[in-house]
Amino acid sequence: MGMCSRQERIQKDIDVVIQKSRAEKDCLFAVYPTQYMYLKITQIIHMCQVQRMMKMC
């Protein structure tokens, strides 16, 4: 077993995690669309507030 096969296994594991997280996000959006959108809007508002505060300093 060389370094390449280890790297390939790691990349495969990463791909599986990414696919699972996308599936969970899609499920969350399908089951709770209003709550999901509210969460995204809240994140955007918070990000804008932080950026505004950073500009004031």
N, C-alpha and C. Protein backbone atom coordinates (compact mmCIF):
# COMPACT_ATOMS: atom_id res chain seq x y z
N MET A 1 0.83 -1.19 0.00
CA MET A 1 0.00 0.00 0.00
C MET A 1 0.87 1.24 0.00
N GLY A 2 0.63 2.05 -0.97
CA GLY A 2 1.40 3.27 -1.06
C GLY A 2 0.63 4.46 -0.54
N MET A 3 1.27 5.60 -0.63
CA MET A 3 0.67 6.84 -0.18
C MET A 3 -0.56 7.18 -0.99
N CYS A 4 -0.54 6.82 -2.26
CA CYS A 4 -1.65 7.16 -3.16
C CYS A 4 -2.93 6.48 -2.72
N SER A 5 -2.88 5.21 -2.36
CA SER A 5 -4.10 4.51 -1.96
C SER A 5 -4.66 5.09 -0.65
N ARG A 6 -3.77 5.50 0.25
CA ARG A 6 -4.23 6.12 1.50
C ARG A 6 -4.93 7.44 1.19
N GLN A 7 -4.34 8.22 0.31
CA GLN A 7 -4.94 9.50 -0.06
C GLN A 7 -6.28 9.30 -0.76
N GLU A 8 -6.37 8.26 -1.59
CA GLU A 8 -7.63 7.96 -2.27
C GLU A 8 -8.71 7.57 -1.26
N ARG A 9 -8.34 6.77 -0.24
CA ARG A 9 -9.31 6.38 0.79
C ARG A 9 -9.79 7.60 1.57
N ILE A 10 -8.86 8.49 1.90
CA ILE A 10 -9.24 9.71 2.62
C ILE A 10 -10.19 10.55 1.78
N GLN A 11 -9.86 10.70 0.49
CA GLN A 11 -10.72 11.49 -0.39
C GLN A 11 -12.10 10.86 -0.51
N LYS A 12 -12.15 9.53 -0.58
CA LYS A 12 -13.44 8.82 -0.65
C LYS A 12 -14.26 9.09 0.61
N ASP A 13 -13.61 9.04 1.78
CA ASP A 13 -14.30 9.33 3.05
C ASP A 13 -14.83 10.76 3.06
N ILE A 14 -14.04 11.68 2.58
CA ILE A 14 -14.47 13.09 2.52
C ILE A 14 -15.68 13.23 1.61
N ASP A 15 -15.64 12.56 0.46
CA ASP A 15 -16.76 12.63 -0.48
C ASP A 15 -18.04 12.08 0.14
N VAL A 16 -17.93 11.01 0.91
CA VAL A 16 -19.10 10.42 1.58
C VAL A 16 -19.68 11.41 2.59
N VAL A 17 -18.81 12.05 3.37
CA VAL A 17 -19.28 13.02 4.36
C VAL A 17 -19.99 14.19 3.67
N ILE A 18 -19.43 14.67 2.57
CA ILE A 18 -20.04 15.78 1.84
C ILE A 18 -21.40 15.36 1.30
N GLN A 19 -21.50 14.16 0.74
CA GLN A 19 -22.78 13.68 0.21
C GLN A 19 -23.82 13.56 1.31
N LYS A 20 -23.42 13.04 2.48
CA LYS A 20 -24.36 12.91 3.60
C LYS A 20 -24.83 14.27 4.07
N SER A 21 -23.92 15.24 4.15
CA SER A 21 -24.32 16.55 4.64
C SER A 21 -25.25 17.24 3.64
N ARG A 22 -25.01 17.05 2.34
CA ARG A 22 -25.93 17.60 1.34
C ARG A 22 -27.30 16.95 1.44
N ALA A 23 -27.34 15.64 1.65
CA ALA A 23 -28.61 14.94 1.78
C ALA A 23 -29.37 15.42 3.01
N GLU A 24 -28.66 15.63 4.12
CA GLU A 24 -29.31 16.12 5.34
C GLU A 24 -29.85 17.52 5.14
N LYS A 25 -29.08 18.36 4.45
CA LYS A 25 -29.54 19.73 4.18
C LYS A 25 -30.78 19.71 3.30
N ASP A 26 -30.77 18.87 2.26
CA ASP A 26 -31.92 18.77 1.37
C ASP A 26 -33.14 18.27 2.12
N CYS A 27 -32.93 17.31 3.02
CA CYS A 27 -34.03 16.78 3.82
C CYS A 27 -34.58 17.86 4.74
N LEU A 28 -33.70 18.60 5.38
CA LEU A 28 -34.12 19.68 6.27
C LEU A 28 -34.93 20.70 5.50
N PHE A 29 -34.48 21.05 4.32
CA PHE A 29 -35.19 22.04 3.51
C PHE A 29 -36.56 21.51 3.09
N ALA A 30 -36.64 20.22 2.76
CA ALA A 30 -37.91 19.64 2.32
C ALA A 30 -38.91 19.53 3.46
N VAL A 31 -38.42 19.18 4.64
CA VAL A 31 -39.32 18.97 5.78
C VAL A 31 -39.68 20.28 6.47
N TYR A 32 -38.73 21.18 6.59
CA TYR A 32 -38.94 22.43 7.32
C TYR A 32 -38.52 23.63 6.47
N PRO A 33 -39.18 23.87 5.33
CA PRO A 33 -38.72 24.95 4.44
C PRO A 33 -38.76 26.33 5.10
N THR A 34 -39.80 26.61 5.87
CA THR A 34 -39.92 27.93 6.49
C THR A 34 -38.82 28.14 7.53
N GLN A 35 -38.60 27.15 8.37
CA GLN A 35 -37.57 27.27 9.40
C GLN A 35 -36.19 27.36 8.77
N TYR A 36 -35.96 26.61 7.71
CA TYR A 36 -34.67 26.64 7.03
C TYR A 36 -34.40 28.02 6.44
N MET A 37 -35.41 28.59 5.78
CA MET A 37 -35.24 29.91 5.18
C MET A 37 -35.05 30.97 6.27
N TYR A 38 -35.77 30.84 7.38
CA TYR A 38 -35.61 31.78 8.48
C TYR A 38 -34.18 31.71 9.02
N LEU A 39 -33.64 30.49 9.14
CA LEU A 39 -32.27 30.33 9.61
C LEU A 39 -31.29 30.99 8.66
N LYS A 40 -31.45 30.80 7.35
CA LYS A 40 -30.56 31.40 6.37
C LYS A 40 -30.64 32.93 6.43
N ILE A 41 -31.85 33.47 6.53
CA ILE A 41 -32.02 34.92 6.61
C ILE A 41 -31.35 35.46 7.87
N THR A 42 -31.51 34.76 8.98
CA THR A 42 -30.89 35.16 10.23
C THR A 42 -29.36 35.17 10.10
N GLN A 43 -28.81 34.16 9.43
CA GLN A 43 -27.36 34.11 9.23
C GLN A 43 -26.88 35.28 8.38
N ILE A 44 -27.63 35.62 7.35
CA ILE A 44 -27.25 36.73 6.47
C ILE A 44 -27.30 38.05 7.24
N ILE A 45 -28.36 38.25 8.01
CA ILE A 45 -28.50 39.49 8.79
C ILE A 45 -27.34 39.61 9.78
N HIS A 46 -27.03 38.51 10.46
CA HIS A 46 -25.93 38.52 11.43
C HIS A 46 -24.61 38.85 10.74
N MET A 47 -24.38 38.25 9.58
CA MET A 47 -23.14 38.50 8.84
C MET A 47 -23.04 39.98 8.46
N CYS A 48 -24.14 40.57 8.03
CA CYS A 48 -24.13 41.99 7.65
C CYS A 48 -23.86 42.87 8.87
N GLN A 49 -24.44 42.52 10.01
CA GLN A 49 -24.21 43.30 11.22
C GLN A 49 -22.75 43.24 11.64
N VAL A 50 -22.15 42.07 11.55
CA VAL A 50 -20.74 41.92 11.91
C VAL A 50 -19.87 42.74 10.96
N GLN A 51 -20.17 42.71 9.67
CA GLN A 51 -19.39 43.48 8.71
C GLN A 51 -19.52 44.98 8.99
N ARG A 52 -20.73 45.44 9.32
CA ARG A 52 -20.92 46.85 9.65
C ARG A 52 -20.12 47.23 10.87
N MET A 53 -20.11 46.38 11.89
CA MET A 53 -19.36 46.67 13.12
C MET A 53 -17.88 46.73 12.83
N MET A 54 -17.38 45.88 11.94
CA MET A 54 -15.96 45.86 11.62
C MET A 54 -15.57 47.14 10.88
N LYS A 55 -16.45 47.69 10.08
CA LYS A 55 -16.15 48.92 9.34
C LYS A 55 -16.07 50.12 10.28
N MET A 56 -16.82 50.08 11.40
CA MET A 56 -16.82 51.20 12.33
C MET A 56 -15.52 51.30 13.10
N CYS A 57 -14.83 50.20 13.27
CA CYS A 57 -13.59 50.21 14.07
C CYS A 57 -12.46 50.86 13.31
